Amino acid sequence: MPSTGDIYERVANAPVVPDGLPLVILMTGFTDAGGAVAGLIDFARDELDPRPVVVFSNDTLLDYRARRPIVTFEQDHLSDYRPPRLELSLVHNALGQPFLLLSGYEPDFAWDAFAEAALDFADLFSVRSMTWVHAIAMPVPHTRTLGVTVSGNRADLIEAHSIWHPRTQVPATVGHLLEYRFVEAGFDTAGFVLLVPHYLAETDYPASTIAALDKVMAATGLVFTMDDLYAENREYLGKVEEQIAGNDELGRMVQGLEERYDAYAAGLSGGGVPTGVGGFREGELPSADELAAELERYLATRQTGDEDKRGS
């Protein structure tokens, strides 16, 4: 079993990390509905100029055959090789405020050693909080505010933001393990689960990245500029509305989701004790297989519509 020292390397000439910063953790892996986390990682790397402090070892943590690196082939030669990255970096927000960002792929191996290393660095830099985000598909409409479930030990965030409080068992991600260990160690910890419309979960849905950033801001006090993301989302939603307008079955599905969601929201505002999302009660929530089947029907309908357009 690898030790913590086997799974990372401290970066030479790394920036000095002040004590007491918030730590944000973003890792793609088992599920990333709407590309929320991947979009947020891209946003950080493209817009926030992260400066690596620690680089984690792909050879120790990554299953290359499951997530193969990308190579670029140019006519008669290979011009680039891009392996995945998992790094702890110093980053600054739109106001110049620093924070720590642990971002990249979810480790395939050595979860315990990875969690121990993350806690070691949290202690070393005296981080003041840990926040992480991931996203799952749910039967909710895209025409309503994207909801979240909040876990951890920050009662203020759970009270203010969490719309669904299930009791269930789910396949764990390394983010769950990190949250569990950080709470055990006494760090202020918040995990946000974005509830993304199931019929958009396999697409890159900009609203999910916007929602993820919004929750990170709520948990950390950091500020980000999202004008480009809002523009992308307006364009994306325009295309979705075109699809719905030309597909009666999809339109009825979205209308039904809206009605159930609004009934659920009315129960919240009326002081009731809701037990589900989108008007479903716990036992009535569709299974993952049912959601997948509904998404396949939607995609098949969309493909038929596209073929009809090409044939006209």
Foldseek 3Di string as FASTA:
>chain_A
DDALVQWKDFDPPFDDFAAAAEEEEAADDDAAFLCQRVVLVCCCVVPWVWTFGMWTDCVAFPDCVVPPWDWDDDPDDTDDTGDWTFTWTWTAAPVRHIHIYGYTHFTPDDLVNVLVNVVVVCVVRVYQAYEYEGEDEFQAAPVDQWAKQKDADDVVCRVPGHLADADDDDDDTSVVVNRVVCVVVPHHYMYIYTHHHLLRRVHNQLSSNVVVVVSVCVVRVGDHDCPVSVVVNVVVVVVVVVLLVVDVVSVVSNVLLVVQQVVSVVCVVVVHDAQDHSNDHPVRTDDPVVSVVVSVVSVVVSVVVVVVVVVD
